[in-house]
C-alpha atoms as a PDB file:
ATOM      1  CA  UNK A   1     118.170 107.169  82.888  1.00  0.00           C
ATOM      2  CA  UNK A   2     115.208 105.885  84.860  1.00  0.00           C
ATOM      3  CA  UNK A   3     115.681 105.282  88.544  1.00  0.00           C
ATOM      4  CA  UNK A   4     113.337 104.413  91.407  1.00  0.00           C
ATOM      5  CA  UNK A   5     114.572 105.517  94.808  1.00  0.00           C
ATOM      6  CA  UNK A   6     112.879 104.101  97.888  1.00  0.00           C
ATOM      7  CA  UNK A   7     113.084 105.468 101.413  1.00  0.00           C
ATOM      8  CA  UNK A   8     111.362 105.153 104.758  1.00  0.00           C
ATOM      9  CA  UNK A   9     112.297 101.656 105.807  1.00  0.00           C
ATOM     10  CA  UNK A  10     113.773 100.796 109.177  1.00  0.00           C
ATOM     11  CA  UNK A  11     113.224  99.072 112.503  1.00  0.00           C
ATOM     12  CA  UNK A  12     109.871  99.440 114.241  1.00  0.00           C
ATOM     13  CA  UNK A  13     108.160  97.744 117.152  1.00  0.00           C
ATOM     14  CA  UNK A  14     105.062  95.600 116.638  1.00  0.00           C
ATOM     15  CA  UNK A  15     102.005  97.820 116.374  1.00  0.00           C
ATOM     16  CA  UNK A  16     104.032 100.706 115.017  1.00  0.00           C
ATOM     17  CA  UNK A  17     103.880 102.514 111.695  1.00  0.00           C
ATOM     18  CA  UNK A  18     106.186 103.343 108.832  1.00  0.00           C
ATOM     19  CA  UNK A  19     105.715 105.253 105.600  1.00  0.00           C
ATOM     20  CA  UNK A  20     107.612 104.167 102.517  1.00  0.00           C
ATOM     21  CA  UNK A  21     108.220 106.517  99.609  1.00  0.00           C
ATOM     22  CA  UNK A  22     109.388 105.799  96.081  1.00  0.00           C
ATOM     23  CA  UNK A  23     110.428 108.601  93.780  1.00  0.00           C
ATOM     24  CA  UNK A  24     110.786 108.137  90.066  1.00  0.00           C
ATOM     25  CA  UNK A  25     113.592 110.058  88.427  1.00  0.00           C
ATOM     26  CA  UNK A  26     113.883 110.200  84.683  1.00  0.00           C
ATOM     27  CA  UNK A  27     111.152 109.996  82.104  1.00  0.00           C
ATOM     28  CA  UNK A  28     108.894 107.022  81.537  1.00  0.00           C
ATOM     29  CA  UNK A  29     106.236 106.837  78.866  1.00  0.00           C
ATOM     30  CA  UNK A  30     102.949 105.121  79.456  1.00  0.00           C
ATOM     31  CA  UNK A  31     102.916 104.525  83.203  1.00  0.00           C
ATOM     32  CA  UNK A  32     100.111 102.240  84.278  1.00  0.00           C
ATOM     33  CA  UNK A  33     100.172 100.846  87.774  1.00  0.00           C
ATOM     34  CA  UNK A  34     102.584 101.697  90.571  1.00  0.00           C
ATOM     35  CA  UNK A  35     103.025  99.406  93.507  1.00  0.00           C
ATOM     36  CA  UNK A  36     104.920  97.759  96.299  1.00  0.00           C
ATOM     37  CA  UNK A  37     106.131  94.195  96.635  1.00  0.00           C
ATOM     38  CA  UNK A  38     108.089  92.484  99.379  1.00  0.00           C
ATOM     39  CA  UNK A  39     110.447  89.572  99.725  1.00  0.00           C
ATOM     40  CA  UNK A  40     111.934  87.534 102.555  1.00  0.00           C
ATOM     41  CA  UNK A  41     114.917  85.150 102.267  1.00  0.00           C
ATOM     42  CA  UNK A  42     114.029  81.914 100.527  1.00  0.00           C
ATOM     43  CA  UNK A  43     110.637  83.132  99.361  1.00  0.00           C
ATOM     44  CA  UNK A  44     109.325  84.604  96.146  1.00  0.00           C
ATOM     45  CA  UNK A  45     108.606  88.284  95.857  1.00  0.00           C
ATOM     46  CA  UNK A  46     104.959  88.924  96.670  1.00  0.00           C
ATOM     47  CA  UNK A  47     102.537  91.712  95.915  1.00  0.00           C
ATOM     48  CA  UNK A  48     101.709  94.069  98.756  1.00  0.00           C
ATOM     49  CA  UNK A  49      99.656  96.757  97.029  1.00  0.00           C
ATOM     50  CA  UNK A  50      99.205  98.404  93.654  1.00  0.00           C
ATOM     51  CA  UNK A  51      97.472 101.557  92.519  1.00  0.00           C
ATOM     52  CA  UNK A  52      96.284 102.422  89.025  1.00  0.00           C
ATOM     53  CA  UNK A  53      96.581 105.752  87.295  1.00  0.00           C
ATOM     54  CA  UNK A  54      92.971 106.399  88.190  1.00  0.00           C
ATOM     55  CA  UNK A  55      93.745 105.789  91.849  1.00  0.00           C
ATOM     56  CA  UNK A  56      92.203 102.344  92.197  1.00  0.00           C
ATOM     57  CA  UNK A  57      94.053 100.398  94.879  1.00  0.00           C
ATOM     58  CA  UNK A  58      94.554  96.671  95.210  1.00  0.00           C
ATOM     59  CA  UNK A  59      95.899  95.000  98.358  1.00  0.00           C
ATOM     60  CA  UNK A  60      97.154  91.621  99.420  1.00  0.00           C
ATOM     61  CA  UNK A  61      94.757  90.040 101.905  1.00  0.00           C
ATOM     62  CA  UNK A  62      97.490  90.023 104.540  1.00  0.00           C
ATOM     63  CA  UNK A  63      97.718  93.834 104.610  1.00  0.00           C
ATOM     64  CA  UNK A  64      94.119  94.904 103.967  1.00  0.00           C
ATOM     65  CA  UNK A  65      92.926  97.340 106.606  1.00  0.00           C
ATOM     66  CA  UNK A  66      96.474  98.076 107.768  1.00  0.00           C
ATOM     67  CA  UNK A  67      98.352  99.432 104.738  1.00  0.00           C
ATOM     68  CA  UNK A  68      97.382 102.306 102.465  1.00  0.00           C
ATOM     69  CA  UNK A  69      98.929 102.954  99.064  1.00  0.00           C
ATOM     70  CA  UNK A  70      98.780 106.353  97.395  1.00  0.00           C
ATOM     71  CA  UNK A  71     100.460 108.163  94.538  1.00  0.00           C
ATOM     72  CA  UNK A  72     101.273 111.725  93.614  1.00  0.00           C
ATOM     73  CA  UNK A  73     101.485 111.863  89.841  1.00  0.00           C
ATOM     74  CA  UNK A  74     102.803 115.411  89.840  1.00  0.00           C
ATOM     75  CA  UNK A  75     105.753 114.308  91.986  1.00  0.00           C
ATOM     76  CA  UNK A  76     106.154 110.890  90.330  1.00  0.00           C
ATOM     77  CA  UNK A  77     105.964 109.361  93.776  1.00  0.00           C
ATOM     78  CA  UNK A  78     104.175 106.392  95.277  1.00  0.00           C
ATOM     79  CA  UNK A  79     103.734 105.912  99.017  1.00  0.00           C
ATOM     80  CA  UNK A  80     102.929 103.014 101.291  1.00  0.00           C
ATOM     81  CA  UNK A  81     101.582 103.880 104.731  1.00  0.00           C
ATOM     82  CA  UNK A  82     102.013 100.823 106.943  1.00  0.00           C
ATOM     83  CA  UNK A  83     100.104 100.720 110.223  1.00  0.00           C
ATOM     84  CA  UNK A  84      99.692  98.076 112.921  1.00  0.00           C
ATOM     85  CA  UNK A  85     102.874  96.426 111.763  1.00  0.00           C
ATOM     86  CA  UNK A  86     103.481  92.819 112.700  1.00  0.00           C
ATOM     87  CA  UNK A  87     106.674  90.736 112.761  1.00  0.00           C
ATOM     88  CA  UNK A  88     105.401  88.878 109.692  1.00  0.00           C
ATOM     89  CA  UNK A  89     105.656  92.152 107.756  1.00  0.00           C
ATOM     90  CA  UNK A  90     109.435  92.016 108.060  1.00  0.00           C
ATOM     91  CA  UNK A  91     110.866  91.967 104.532  1.00  0.00           C
ATOM     92  CA  UNK A  92     112.664  93.942 101.876  1.00  0.00           C
ATOM     93  CA  UNK A  93     110.090  96.159 100.203  1.00  0.00           C
ATOM     94  CA  UNK A  94     110.431  96.969  96.504  1.00  0.00           C
ATOM     95  CA  UNK A  95     108.817  99.730  94.525  1.00  0.00           C
ATOM     96  CA  UNK A  96     107.474  98.788  91.087  1.00  0.00           C
ATOM     97  CA  UNK A  97     106.227 100.718  88.073  1.00  0.00           C
ATOM     98  CA  UNK A  98     104.425  99.002  85.234  1.00  0.00           C
ATOM     99  CA  UNK A  99     104.383 100.617  81.830  1.00  0.00           C
ATOM    100  CA  UNK A 100     102.993  99.469  78.504  1.00  0.00           C
ATOM    101  CA  UNK A 101     106.493  98.264  77.603  1.00  0.00           C
ATOM    102  CA  UNK A 102     108.199  96.940  80.743  1.00  0.00           C
ATOM    103  CA  UNK A 103     108.476  96.898  84.532  1.00  0.00           C
ATOM    104  CA  UNK A 104     110.843  99.002  86.604  1.00  0.00           C
ATOM    105  CA  UNK A 105     112.048  98.084  90.084  1.00  0.00           C
ATOM    106  CA  UNK A 106     113.676  99.969  92.921  1.00  0.00           C
ATOM    107  CA  UNK A 107     116.643  98.678  94.873  1.00  0.00           C
ATOM    108  CA  UNK A 108     114.565  97.756  97.913  1.00  0.00           C
ATOM    109  CA  UNK A 109     114.297  99.040 101.458  1.00  0.00           C
ATOM    110  CA  UNK A 110     114.443  96.862 104.571  1.00  0.00           C
ATOM    111  CA  UNK A 111     111.530  96.877 106.988  1.00  0.00           C
ATOM    112  CA  UNK A 112     112.064  95.054 110.275  1.00  0.00           C
ATOM    113  CA  UNK A 113     109.279  94.668 112.826  1.00  0.00           C
ATOM    114  CA  UNK A 114     110.658  93.488 116.135  1.00  0.00           C
ATOM    115  CA  UNK A 115     110.535  94.254 119.829  1.00  0.00           C
END
């Protein structure tokens, strides 16, 4: 059974940093991109960053220069290093894996940026 397990969320002050991790357990065939999305109450889920199998990263304009996505294919893990966090970054962050057949989602991890 495929499962994505996220960790690393929490409460941080503005200007602080957090590192999110997402570990894939189980076997998936044909993984393409891995990524992170986020969602706040009443809003649609939005893309934060994705990374291809070749390591090409894509970022939302709102996080460029502050967030860094990376992946460790040997560990089936994708990371999101979040720096210079702002209150507007507060959201539930979801891990995503795209394959040639379907998408997989994690359960989400809360990130709260507040003083």
